[in-house]
Amino acid sequence: MAYGGSVYILTNKNKTTLYTGVTSDLGARLRQHRNKAFPNSFTARYNLTVLVYMEHFSSIEEAIQREKAIKAKTRANKEKLIDSVNPNWDDLANEVLNW
């Protein structure tokens, strides 16, 4: 399934840290995070590999705007956003990696 852009939120297995990102290829980006392609990155250092939220847009510009809006939210509001679509905080990676 092709999208112009996607916003996503990653966490670690203990759900102690959240990372919000944007990309034009969520599958490829998720593989980079999981393989620690950038070992000094925030996501690699905090082992953020669990995909708990994703939202897709027809353009990367729309996705970037949404990413900025999510990043401006408090942690509590980000948790509510995740809970609204993924109440168990399941890893959604298989949905992406099997496209």
N, C-alpha and C. Protein backbone atom coordinates (compact mmCIF):
# COMPACT_ATOMS: atom_id res chain seq x y z
N MET A 1 0.85 -1.17 0.00
CA MET A 1 0.00 0.00 0.00
C MET A 1 0.90 1.24 0.00
N ALA A 2 0.68 2.15 -0.91
CA ALA A 2 1.55 3.32 -1.02
C ALA A 2 0.86 4.55 -0.42
N TYR A 3 1.65 5.31 0.30
CA TYR A 3 1.18 6.56 0.89
C TYR A 3 2.20 7.64 0.57
N GLY A 4 1.77 8.89 0.61
CA GLY A 4 2.70 9.99 0.41
C GLY A 4 3.58 10.20 1.62
N GLY A 5 3.02 9.93 2.79
CA GLY A 5 3.79 10.08 4.02
C GLY A 5 3.07 9.45 5.19
N SER A 6 3.84 9.08 6.18
CA SER A 6 3.28 8.46 7.39
C SER A 6 3.92 9.06 8.62
N VAL A 7 3.11 9.20 9.66
CA VAL A 7 3.60 9.59 10.98
C VAL A 7 3.51 8.34 11.84
N TYR A 8 4.49 8.15 12.70
CA TYR A 8 4.50 6.95 13.53
C TYR A 8 5.05 7.26 14.90
N ILE A 9 4.70 6.42 15.86
CA ILE A 9 5.24 6.52 17.21
C ILE A 9 5.83 5.17 17.57
N LEU A 10 7.07 5.20 18.04
CA LEU A 10 7.76 4.01 18.52
C LEU A 10 7.93 4.10 20.02
N THR A 11 8.03 2.94 20.66
CA THR A 11 8.38 2.88 22.07
C THR A 11 9.30 1.69 22.28
N ASN A 12 9.73 1.49 23.51
CA ASN A 12 10.56 0.33 23.84
C ASN A 12 9.69 -0.72 24.53
N LYS A 13 10.27 -1.86 24.87
CA LYS A 13 9.46 -2.94 25.44
C LYS A 13 8.84 -2.57 26.78
N ASN A 14 9.45 -1.63 27.51
CA ASN A 14 8.90 -1.20 28.80
C ASN A 14 7.98 0.01 28.68
N LYS A 15 7.84 0.54 27.49
CA LYS A 15 6.98 1.70 27.21
C LYS A 15 7.38 2.94 28.00
N THR A 16 8.67 3.10 28.24
CA THR A 16 9.14 4.23 29.03
C THR A 16 9.49 5.46 28.20
N THR A 17 9.72 5.27 26.92
CA THR A 17 10.12 6.37 26.05
C THR A 17 9.31 6.31 24.76
N LEU A 18 8.93 7.49 24.25
CA LEU A 18 8.21 7.57 22.99
C LEU A 18 9.03 8.37 21.98
N TYR A 19 8.92 7.99 20.72
CA TYR A 19 9.56 8.71 19.63
C TYR A 19 8.53 8.89 18.53
N THR A 20 8.37 10.11 18.07
CA THR A 20 7.46 10.41 16.97
C THR A 20 8.29 10.73 15.74
N GLY A 21 7.97 10.09 14.63
CA GLY A 21 8.71 10.32 13.40
C GLY A 21 7.79 10.44 12.20
N VAL A 22 8.39 10.83 11.07
CA VAL A 22 7.66 10.96 9.81
C VAL A 22 8.53 10.37 8.71
N THR A 23 7.89 9.77 7.73
CA THR A 23 8.64 9.15 6.64
C THR A 23 7.76 8.99 5.41
N SER A 24 8.39 8.84 4.27
CA SER A 24 7.64 8.53 3.04
C SER A 24 7.59 7.03 2.79
N ASP A 25 8.36 6.25 3.56
CA ASP A 25 8.38 4.79 3.41
C ASP A 25 8.48 4.15 4.79
N LEU A 26 7.33 3.89 5.40
CA LEU A 26 7.30 3.42 6.78
C LEU A 26 7.97 2.05 6.94
N GLY A 27 7.78 1.17 5.99
CA GLY A 27 8.41 -0.15 6.08
C GLY A 27 9.93 -0.05 6.12
N ALA A 28 10.50 0.71 5.21
CA ALA A 28 11.95 0.88 5.16
C ALA A 28 12.46 1.57 6.41
N ARG A 29 11.73 2.58 6.85
CA ARG A 29 12.17 3.32 8.04
C ARG A 29 12.12 2.43 9.28
N LEU A 30 11.09 1.62 9.40
CA LEU A 30 10.97 0.72 10.53
C LEU A 30 12.12 -0.29 10.54
N ARG A 31 12.48 -0.79 9.36
CA ARG A 31 13.62 -1.71 9.28
C ARG A 31 14.91 -1.02 9.74
N GLN A 32 15.08 0.24 9.37
CA GLN A 32 16.26 0.99 9.83
C GLN A 32 16.28 1.08 11.35
N HIS A 33 15.14 1.40 11.94
CA HIS A 33 15.08 1.50 13.40
C HIS A 33 15.40 0.15 14.04
N ARG A 34 14.80 -0.90 13.55
CA ARG A 34 14.98 -2.22 14.15
C ARG A 34 16.39 -2.77 13.97
N ASN A 35 17.03 -2.43 12.86
CA ASN A 35 18.39 -2.89 12.60
C ASN A 35 19.44 -1.93 13.14
N LYS A 36 18.98 -0.86 13.79
CA LYS A 36 19.87 0.16 14.34
C LYS A 36 20.87 0.65 13.28
N ALA A 37 20.32 1.01 12.13
CA ALA A 37 21.13 1.50 11.01
C ALA A 37 21.93 2.74 11.39
N PHE A 38 21.42 3.49 12.34
CA PHE A 38 22.11 4.68 12.84
C PHE A 38 22.34 4.47 14.34
N PRO A 39 23.44 3.80 14.72
CA PRO A 39 23.64 3.35 16.10
C PRO A 39 23.70 4.46 17.15
N ASN A 40 24.00 5.67 16.75
CA ASN A 40 24.05 6.77 17.71
C ASN A 40 22.74 7.55 17.79
N SER A 41 21.74 7.11 17.06
CA SER A 41 20.47 7.84 17.04
C SER A 41 19.70 7.63 18.35
N PHE A 42 18.76 8.52 18.59
CA PHE A 42 17.91 8.44 19.78
C PHE A 42 17.19 7.10 19.85
N THR A 43 16.63 6.67 18.72
CA THR A 43 15.87 5.42 18.72
C THR A 43 16.76 4.22 19.00
N ALA A 44 17.98 4.23 18.51
CA ALA A 44 18.91 3.12 18.77
C ALA A 44 19.35 3.11 20.23
N ARG A 45 19.69 4.28 20.75
CA ARG A 45 20.17 4.37 22.14
C ARG A 45 19.11 3.93 23.15
N TYR A 46 17.85 4.20 22.86
CA TYR A 46 16.77 3.85 23.78
C TYR A 46 16.00 2.60 23.35
N ASN A 47 16.52 1.91 22.34
CA ASN A 47 15.93 0.66 21.85
C ASN A 47 14.44 0.80 21.51
N LEU A 48 14.13 1.83 20.76
CA LEU A 48 12.74 2.12 20.38
C LEU A 48 12.42 1.38 19.08
N THR A 49 11.84 0.21 19.21
CA THR A 49 11.57 -0.64 18.06
C THR A 49 10.13 -1.11 17.97
N VAL A 50 9.30 -0.76 18.94
CA VAL A 50 7.91 -1.22 18.97
C VAL A 50 7.02 -0.13 18.35
N LEU A 51 6.41 -0.44 17.22
CA LEU A 51 5.53 0.49 16.53
C LEU A 51 4.15 0.44 17.17
N VAL A 52 3.76 1.51 17.85
CA VAL A 52 2.47 1.52 18.55
C VAL A 52 1.42 2.43 17.91
N TYR A 53 1.86 3.27 16.96
CA TYR A 53 0.91 4.20 16.33
C TYR A 53 1.41 4.53 14.93
N MET A 54 0.47 4.61 14.00
CA MET A 54 0.81 5.08 12.65
C MET A 54 -0.41 5.74 12.05
N GLU A 55 -0.14 6.71 11.22
CA GLU A 55 -1.19 7.46 10.55
C GLU A 55 -0.66 7.80 9.16
N HIS A 56 -1.46 7.61 8.14
CA HIS A 56 -1.00 7.77 6.77
C HIS A 56 -1.68 8.96 6.09
N PHE A 57 -0.93 9.58 5.17
CA PHE A 57 -1.40 10.78 4.48
C PHE A 57 -1.09 10.67 2.99
N SER A 58 -1.83 11.41 2.20
CA SER A 58 -1.61 11.37 0.76
C SER A 58 -0.36 12.15 0.34
N SER A 59 0.12 13.04 1.20
CA SER A 59 1.35 13.78 0.88
C SER A 59 2.27 13.83 2.10
N ILE A 60 3.56 13.93 1.82
CA ILE A 60 4.54 14.02 2.90
C ILE A 60 4.37 15.34 3.66
N GLU A 61 3.93 16.37 2.98
CA GLU A 61 3.72 17.65 3.65
C GLU A 61 2.64 17.56 4.73
N GLU A 62 1.56 16.85 4.43
CA GLU A 62 0.51 16.63 5.43
C GLU A 62 1.06 15.84 6.62
N ALA A 63 1.86 14.84 6.32
CA ALA A 63 2.44 14.01 7.38
C ALA A 63 3.37 14.84 8.27
N ILE A 64 4.15 15.71 7.67
CA ILE A 64 5.06 16.56 8.45
C ILE A 64 4.28 17.48 9.37
N GLN A 65 3.19 18.04 8.87
CA GLN A 65 2.34 18.90 9.71
C GLN A 65 1.79 18.12 10.90
N ARG A 66 1.34 16.91 10.64
CA ARG A 66 0.79 16.08 11.72
C ARG A 66 1.88 15.69 12.72
N GLU A 67 3.07 15.38 12.22
CA GLU A 67 4.19 15.06 13.12
C GLU A 67 4.46 16.22 14.07
N LYS A 68 4.49 17.43 13.53
CA LYS A 68 4.73 18.61 14.37
C LYS A 68 3.65 18.76 15.43
N ALA A 69 2.40 18.51 15.04
CA ALA A 69 1.29 18.62 15.99
C ALA A 69 1.41 17.57 17.10
N ILE A 70 1.78 16.36 16.73
CA ILE A 70 1.93 15.29 17.74
C ILE A 70 3.11 15.59 18.65
N LYS A 71 4.22 16.04 18.08
CA LYS A 71 5.40 16.34 18.90
C LYS A 71 5.12 17.45 19.91
N ALA A 72 4.18 18.33 19.59
CA ALA A 72 3.85 19.44 20.50
C ALA A 72 2.99 18.97 21.67
N LYS A 73 2.44 17.77 21.59
CA LYS A 73 1.58 17.25 22.65
C LYS A 73 2.40 16.79 23.85
N THR A 74 1.75 16.74 24.99
CA THR A 74 2.37 16.18 26.19
C THR A 74 2.43 14.66 26.05
N ARG A 75 3.22 14.04 26.89
CA ARG A 75 3.27 12.57 26.87
C ARG A 75 1.88 11.99 27.14
N ALA A 76 1.17 12.56 28.10
CA ALA A 76 -0.17 12.06 28.42
C ALA A 76 -1.09 12.11 27.20
N ASN A 77 -1.01 13.18 26.43
CA ASN A 77 -1.85 13.29 25.24
C ASN A 77 -1.41 12.32 24.15
N LYS A 78 -0.10 12.06 24.05
CA LYS A 78 0.38 11.06 23.10
C LYS A 78 -0.11 9.67 23.50
N GLU A 79 -0.11 9.40 24.79
CA GLU A 79 -0.62 8.11 25.27
C GLU A 79 -2.10 7.95 24.94
N LYS A 80 -2.88 9.02 25.10
CA LYS A 80 -4.30 8.98 24.75
C LYS A 80 -4.49 8.72 23.26
N LEU A 81 -3.65 9.34 22.44
CA LEU A 81 -3.71 9.13 21.00
C LEU A 81 -3.44 7.66 20.66
N ILE A 82 -2.40 7.11 21.25
CA ILE A 82 -2.08 5.69 21.03
C ILE A 82 -3.23 4.82 21.51
N ASP A 83 -3.71 5.08 22.72
CA ASP A 83 -4.81 4.29 23.30
C ASP A 83 -6.07 4.31 22.43
N SER A 84 -6.30 5.41 21.73
CA SER A 84 -7.51 5.54 20.92
C SER A 84 -7.55 4.56 19.74
N VAL A 85 -6.39 4.13 19.28
CA VAL A 85 -6.35 3.20 18.14
C VAL A 85 -5.66 1.87 18.46
N ASN A 86 -4.92 1.84 19.55
CA ASN A 86 -4.15 0.65 19.91
C ASN A 86 -4.10 0.53 21.44
N PRO A 87 -5.24 0.23 22.07
CA PRO A 87 -5.33 0.28 23.53
C PRO A 87 -4.38 -0.67 24.27
N ASN A 88 -3.97 -1.75 23.62
CA ASN A 88 -3.03 -2.69 24.26
C ASN A 88 -1.57 -2.39 23.93
N TRP A 89 -1.36 -1.35 23.15
CA TRP A 89 -0.02 -0.97 22.71
C TRP A 89 0.68 -2.16 22.03
N ASP A 90 -0.08 -2.87 21.20
CA ASP A 90 0.50 -3.98 20.45
C ASP A 90 1.50 -3.44 19.44
N ASP A 91 2.47 -4.27 19.09
CA ASP A 91 3.44 -3.90 18.06
C ASP A 91 2.76 -4.06 16.70
N LEU A 92 2.63 -2.96 15.98
CA LEU A 92 1.93 -2.94 14.70
C LEU A 92 2.87 -3.21 13.52
N ALA A 93 4.10 -3.56 13.79
CA ALA A 93 5.11 -3.70 12.74
C ALA A 93 4.70 -4.68 11.64
N ASN A 94 4.08 -5.80 12.01
CA ASN A 94 3.72 -6.78 10.99
C ASN A 94 2.75 -6.21 9.96
N GLU A 95 1.89 -5.30 10.38
CA GLU A 95 0.98 -4.66 9.44
C GLU A 95 1.75 -3.88 8.38
N VAL A 96 2.87 -3.30 8.78
CA VAL A 96 3.67 -2.48 7.88
C VAL A 96 4.62 -3.35 7.06
N LEU A 97 5.29 -4.25 7.72
CA LEU A 97 6.32 -5.04 7.05
C LEU A 97 5.74 -6.06 6.08
N ASN A 98 4.45 -6.34 6.17
CA ASN A 98 3.80 -7.28 5.26
C ASN A 98 3.04 -6.60 4.13
N TRP A 99 3.21 -5.30 3.94
CA TRP A 99 2.52 -4.59 2.86
C TRP A 99 2.98 -5.14 1.53
